[in-house]
Every structure is written in structure tokens, then in C-alpha cells.
Protein backbone atom coordinates (compact mmCIF):
# COMPACT_ATOMS: atom_id res chain seq x y z
CA UNK A 1 0.25 -0.29 0.20
CA UNK A 2 2.95 2.48 1.01
CA UNK A 3 4.39 1.92 -2.20
CA UNK A 4 1.27 2.65 -4.35
CA UNK A 5 0.75 5.50 -2.31
CA UNK A 6 4.79 6.96 -2.94
CA UNK A 7 4.02 5.85 -7.33
CA UNK A 8 0.91 7.42 -7.24
CA UNK A 9 2.29 10.57 -5.14
CA UNK A 10 5.32 10.67 -7.80
CA UNK A 11 3.21 10.78 -10.86
CA UNK A 12 1.29 13.67 -9.65
CA UNK A 13 4.46 15.71 -8.68
CA UNK A 14 5.72 14.64 -12.65
CA UNK A 15 2.28 15.63 -13.72
CA UNK A 16 2.61 19.02 -11.87
CA UNK A 17 6.27 19.92 -13.21
CA UNK A 18 4.94 18.60 -17.18
CA UNK A 19 1.54 21.33 -16.27
CA UNK A 20 3.85 24.25 -14.93
CA UNK A 21 6.35 24.45 -17.99
CA UNK A 22 5.62 26.76 -20.54
CA UNK A 23 4.46 25.81 -23.77
CA UNK A 24 6.64 27.62 -25.72
CA UNK A 25 9.47 25.10 -24.94
CA UNK A 26 7.47 22.93 -26.99
CA UNK A 27 7.56 22.60 -30.87
CA UNK A 28 8.90 26.14 -32.82
CA UNK A 29 8.01 29.51 -33.33
CA UNK A 30 9.26 32.70 -35.38
CA UNK A 31 10.93 34.75 -32.93
CA UNK A 32 12.57 38.39 -35.44
CA UNK A 33 11.08 39.71 -36.95
CA UNK A 34 8.54 40.06 -33.91
CA UNK A 35 5.44 38.23 -34.78
CA UNK A 36 2.24 38.99 -33.59
CA UNK A 37 1.55 39.11 -29.86
CA UNK A 38 5.02 37.81 -29.70
CA UNK A 39 6.60 38.51 -25.86
CA UNK A 40 9.92 38.59 -26.70
CA UNK A 41 11.98 41.54 -25.25
CA UNK A 42 11.20 44.25 -27.95
CA UNK A 43 8.01 43.26 -29.37
CA UNK A 44 5.23 45.58 -29.46
CA UNK A 45 2.30 45.35 -26.89
CA UNK A 46 -0.42 43.58 -28.37
CA UNK A 47 -3.48 45.39 -30.28
CA UNK A 48 -6.26 46.87 -27.71
CA UNK A 49 -8.60 43.26 -27.02
CA UNK A 50 -5.86 40.80 -27.76
CA UNK A 51 -3.24 39.62 -25.58
CA UNK A 52 0.47 37.83 -25.73
CA UNK A 53 0.70 34.66 -27.30
CA UNK A 54 3.10 32.72 -24.41
CA UNK A 55 2.43 30.16 -26.45
CA UNK A 56 3.62 31.25 -30.13
CA UNK A 57 5.67 27.64 -30.67
CA UNK A 58 2.63 25.50 -30.67
CA UNK A 59 1.37 24.60 -34.55
CA UNK A 60 -1.80 26.10 -35.91
CA UNK A 61 -3.43 23.13 -36.86
CA UNK A 62 -3.12 18.75 -37.76
CA UNK A 63 -3.43 16.99 -40.73
CA UNK A 64 -6.44 15.43 -38.43
CA UNK A 65 -8.04 19.49 -37.21
CA UNK A 66 -7.58 23.02 -37.74
CA UNK A 67 -6.36 24.76 -34.63
CA UNK A 68 -6.24 27.91 -35.67
CA UNK A 69 -6.12 30.56 -39.12
CA UNK A 70 -3.14 30.51 -40.92
CA UNK A 71 -1.28 33.91 -38.97
CA UNK A 72 -2.76 32.29 -36.20
CA UNK A 73 -3.42 36.13 -34.86
CA UNK A 74 -6.35 37.75 -37.12
CA UNK A 75 -5.88 40.60 -35.82
CA UNK A 76 -3.07 43.31 -37.02
CA UNK A 77 -0.08 43.90 -34.66
CA UNK A 78 -0.31 47.24 -32.50
CA UNK A 79 3.38 48.79 -34.80
CA UNK A 80 4.65 47.46 -38.20
CA UNK A 81 7.56 47.19 -38.74
CA UNK A 82 9.86 48.67 -41.75
CA UNK A 83 11.43 46.80 -44.55
CA UNK A 84 12.84 48.13 -48.17
CA UNK A 85 12.19 46.11 -50.93
CA UNK A 86 15.72 44.36 -51.42
CA UNK A 87 15.78 44.56 -48.21
CA UNK A 88 17.18 40.48 -46.42
CA UNK A 89 15.49 39.64 -43.55
CA UNK A 90 17.17 37.84 -40.61
CA UNK A 91 14.63 35.93 -39.39
CA UNK A 92 15.26 33.84 -35.79
CA UNK A 93 13.33 30.99 -34.43
CA UNK A 94 12.57 30.06 -31.00
CA UNK A 95 12.96 26.09 -30.22
CA UNK A 96 11.87 23.58 -27.89
CA UNK A 97 11.57 20.88 -30.43
CA UNK A 98 12.40 20.89 -34.10
CA UNK A 99 11.29 17.95 -34.57
CA UNK A 100 14.09 16.23 -37.61
CA UNK A 101 13.96 19.52 -39.12
CA UNK A 102 11.34 19.64 -42.01
CA UNK A 103 10.45 22.59 -45.10
CA UNK A 104 9.85 26.37 -44.46
CA UNK A 105 8.45 28.75 -46.55
CA UNK A 106 7.75 32.47 -46.79
CA UNK A 107 5.71 34.33 -48.08
CA UNK A 108 3.76 38.25 -48.84
CA UNK A 109 1.04 39.45 -48.74
CA UNK A 110 -0.39 42.30 -49.27
CA UNK A 111 -4.62 42.06 -49.28
CA UNK A 112 -4.60 41.08 -44.83
CA UNK A 113 -4.36 37.00 -46.02
CA UNK A 114 -6.36 36.98 -48.68
CA UNK A 115 -2.99 36.50 -51.65
CA UNK A 116 0.60 34.82 -50.54
CA UNK A 117 3.20 34.65 -52.80
CA UNK A 118 6.39 32.29 -51.67
CA UNK A 119 9.70 34.63 -51.88
CA UNK A 120 11.64 31.81 -50.12
CA UNK A 121 10.85 27.81 -50.08
CA UNK A 122 13.37 26.00 -47.90
CA UNK A 123 13.13 22.17 -48.17
CA UNK A 124 13.69 19.09 -45.69
CA UNK A 125 16.51 20.20 -44.36
CA UNK A 126 14.85 23.78 -42.26
CA UNK A 127 15.46 23.86 -38.91
CA UNK A 128 16.94 20.53 -38.28
CA UNK A 129 19.08 19.99 -36.01
CA UNK A 130 18.44 22.48 -33.66
CA UNK A 131 18.21 21.79 -30.22
CA UNK A 132 16.35 24.81 -27.26
CA UNK A 133 19.98 26.13 -27.38
CA UNK A 134 20.36 26.72 -30.97
CA UNK A 135 20.54 29.73 -32.59
CA UNK A 136 19.29 29.13 -35.92
CA UNK A 137 18.18 32.15 -38.57
CA UNK A 138 17.09 32.11 -42.22
CA UNK A 139 17.78 34.94 -44.43
CA UNK A 140 14.29 36.36 -47.05
CA UNK A 141 15.45 38.83 -49.33
CA UNK A 142 12.38 40.64 -50.11
CA UNK A 143 11.94 40.71 -53.62
CA UNK A 144 14.07 44.28 -55.33
CA UNK A 145 10.45 44.70 -57.76
CA UNK A 146 8.03 44.00 -54.27
CA UNK A 147 5.55 46.88 -53.99
CA UNK A 148 5.44 49.64 -51.69
CA UNK A 149 2.58 48.99 -48.90
CA UNK A 150 0.95 47.87 -46.17
CA UNK A 151 2.21 43.98 -45.09
CA UNK A 152 1.97 40.65 -44.39
CA UNK A 153 4.80 38.77 -43.92
CA UNK A 154 4.26 34.97 -43.35
CA UNK A 155 6.10 31.31 -41.87
CA UNK A 156 5.20 28.72 -42.61
CA UNK A 157 6.78 25.22 -41.52
CA UNK A 158 6.13 21.38 -41.82
CA UNK A 159 8.35 19.04 -39.12
CA UNK A 160 9.90 15.85 -40.63
CA UNK A 161 9.20 13.95 -37.43
CA UNK A 162 5.92 13.96 -35.07
CA UNK A 163 2.49 14.44 -35.79
CA UNK A 164 1.85 15.64 -39.66
CA UNK A 165 1.40 19.13 -38.40
CA UNK A 166 1.91 22.81 -39.64
CA UNK A 167 3.24 25.56 -37.97
CA UNK A 168 2.72 29.85 -39.34
CA UNK A 169 3.55 33.17 -37.62
CA UNK A 170 2.92 36.11 -39.62
CA UNK A 171 4.68 39.50 -39.14
CA UNK A 172 3.04 42.93 -39.66
CA UNK A 173 5.35 45.15 -41.95
CA UNK A 174 5.90 48.16 -44.07
CA UNK A 175 7.42 47.76 -47.27
CA UNK A 176 9.29 50.74 -48.64
CA UNK A 177 9.22 49.36 -52.40
CA UNK A 178 8.45 50.67 -55.94
CA UNK A 179 5.24 52.14 -56.48
CA UNK A 180 3.11 49.92 -58.70
CA UNK A 181 5.56 46.74 -58.30
CA UNK A 182 4.99 43.65 -58.25
CA UNK A 183 6.30 40.26 -57.24
CA UNK A 184 5.92 36.66 -59.45
CA UNK A 185 6.49 33.91 -57.49
CA UNK A 186 3.93 31.08 -56.55
CA UNK A 187 1.64 30.88 -54.26
CA UNK A 188 2.47 28.87 -50.38
CA UNK A 189 1.82 24.97 -49.95
CA UNK A 190 -0.73 24.81 -47.17
CA UNK A 191 -0.10 20.94 -46.44
CA UNK A 192 -0.82 19.21 -42.99
CA UNK A 193 -3.82 21.29 -42.20
CA UNK A 194 -7.32 19.66 -41.46
CA UNK A 195 -8.29 16.64 -43.12
CA UNK A 196 -9.10 18.48 -46.85
CA UNK A 197 -5.33 19.73 -46.37
CA UNK A 198 -2.36 17.60 -48.61
CA UNK A 199 -1.06 14.99 -46.68
CA UNK A 200 3.20 15.07 -46.10
CA UNK A 201 3.98 11.63 -44.92
CA UNK A 202 6.72 11.46 -41.52
CA UNK A 203 10.43 11.58 -43.45
CA UNK A 204 13.19 11.40 -41.38
CA UNK A 205 15.38 10.03 -43.76
CA UNK A 206 16.88 11.08 -46.69
CA UNK A 207 15.64 7.91 -48.68
CA UNK A 208 11.72 9.06 -47.27
CA UNK A 209 8.95 10.46 -49.83
CA UNK A 210 9.31 13.71 -48.49
CA UNK A 211 6.38 15.19 -50.41
CA UNK A 212 8.47 18.16 -52.49
CA UNK A 213 6.50 16.59 -55.62
CA UNK A 214 3.80 19.19 -53.95
CA UNK A 215 5.89 22.06 -53.90
CA UNK A 216 7.13 22.13 -57.47
CA UNK A 217 3.26 22.09 -57.97
CA UNK A 218 2.38 25.33 -57.09
CA UNK A 219 0.31 27.40 -58.22
CA UNK A 220 2.09 30.26 -59.98
CA UNK A 221 0.74 33.88 -59.01
CA UNK A 222 1.92 37.81 -59.69
CA UNK A 223 0.75 39.86 -56.75
CA UNK A 224 0.56 43.65 -57.59
CA UNK A 225 -0.37 46.66 -55.97
CA UNK A 226 -1.79 49.41 -58.33
CA UNK A 227 0.71 52.29 -58.50
CA UNK A 228 -0.35 55.15 -55.98
CA UNK A 229 -1.18 58.76 -56.72
CA UNK A 230 1.55 61.44 -56.31
CA UNK A 231 -0.22 63.43 -52.93
CA UNK A 232 -0.70 59.46 -52.32
CA UNK A 233 2.43 57.88 -52.13
CA UNK A 234 4.30 60.94 -50.98
CA UNK A 235 2.49 60.81 -47.49
């Protein structure tokens, strides 16, 4: 009886430790540039009615369920970060478990997330080999032809090992670019995001299918912002 009580007490203690561990220790999230409602140092306060996301590393869905919208949060941040067309964004990550790496896509939207154009893709090895103490970054160049205007910068990640998940974080940005510019590319692949989405299976080993053929079939797309008048472009 004493032995049984001891085991029960030990199990309860372990459960308490696990439940008190911040969820941000698991999985991966975008750390820089500041994602919507990111709680990292230097990130702006959330907009009115919203709260810091202390679970920034969690997935937005699996192949079975959709847990959150594509950008995870739908209300824009209280402050936009400014970048220039042709500038390279140095993305950095909050890493808990990198699940063997996987596929990363980076995209821009100028119409509040209705239309996206991919500006960089890293297949298979994105985040591979990283741990919680790793400092990992990916350089993402904004096309020199990018239009001026408010936009959303999005990071997507399909992990290689573990549950079939999709991760996403978005950054509200202002781009100083070309008046009336355009970006040509492909629409992002939204996989492992609900039962109607394409399925990318696990691919821990180099000889295993990794769904790269799905990326090759992404739809070509052109995103163009109408040219603003001289009075508006000077504001």
C-alpha cells in the first residue's frame, strides 16, 4: 500500500512539473522579426483586446484538425516593422523541439492575407538539427520589385518527424518599395492543415518521400499593388 501511494505521489509530482512548463518550450515559433503578439524583448504590445502569445511555438493545425487561422492571430499588430524592397530579413526562431527539421516557406501578402506569394522556400532541412539552445536563422530577401505598402510577412513550417503538423507565424510590415510594383512567384503549399489539405508524411530519412513533388506543383501567382497617386505616395 505504501509503495502504491509513493508511485501515485511521484506521478502527481511529475504531472505538476509538466503542467507548469511553459508551452513555448515545445515545438518552434518565429522569434524575429517580432511575430504578432510575440512576448519577446523588443516586441510591441498587442493591440487593444488582444494578449501576448506565450504559446508562440505551438502548431496551428494537424492533418486531422485546424486549431488556428493561417496567421494564428487575425488582428494586426499594434506596430508595423519597416523593410525596404531588396532588403534581407534575418529570421530567427524560438526552438523547443525541431522534429527532424522539415519544409519552410516564406510569403508576403498585400491584401490582409487573402493572397500570398512565396518569396523563399527551404525544403527538408529547415531547422534540422536544432535544439532549444540553438541560434538558428534563415535569410529571406524581399524582392527588389516588391510594391510599397502595408503587408504581412508569413513563415510556414511542416515538420519532418512527429505529428503531421503545420506551424505559422505572421509579421505585420510596411515595405518601402516600388510604387505600383509586383512580385511573381507561387502560392504557398498549405499541407497538414485539416483533413482536406494535402498530407506530407514523416520523412526522417533521406530515402523517404518528403512531399517535394507537392511544392513543385504550387500555383504560379503575381501579386501587384496599383500605383498610388503622387499625393498619396508622398504621405
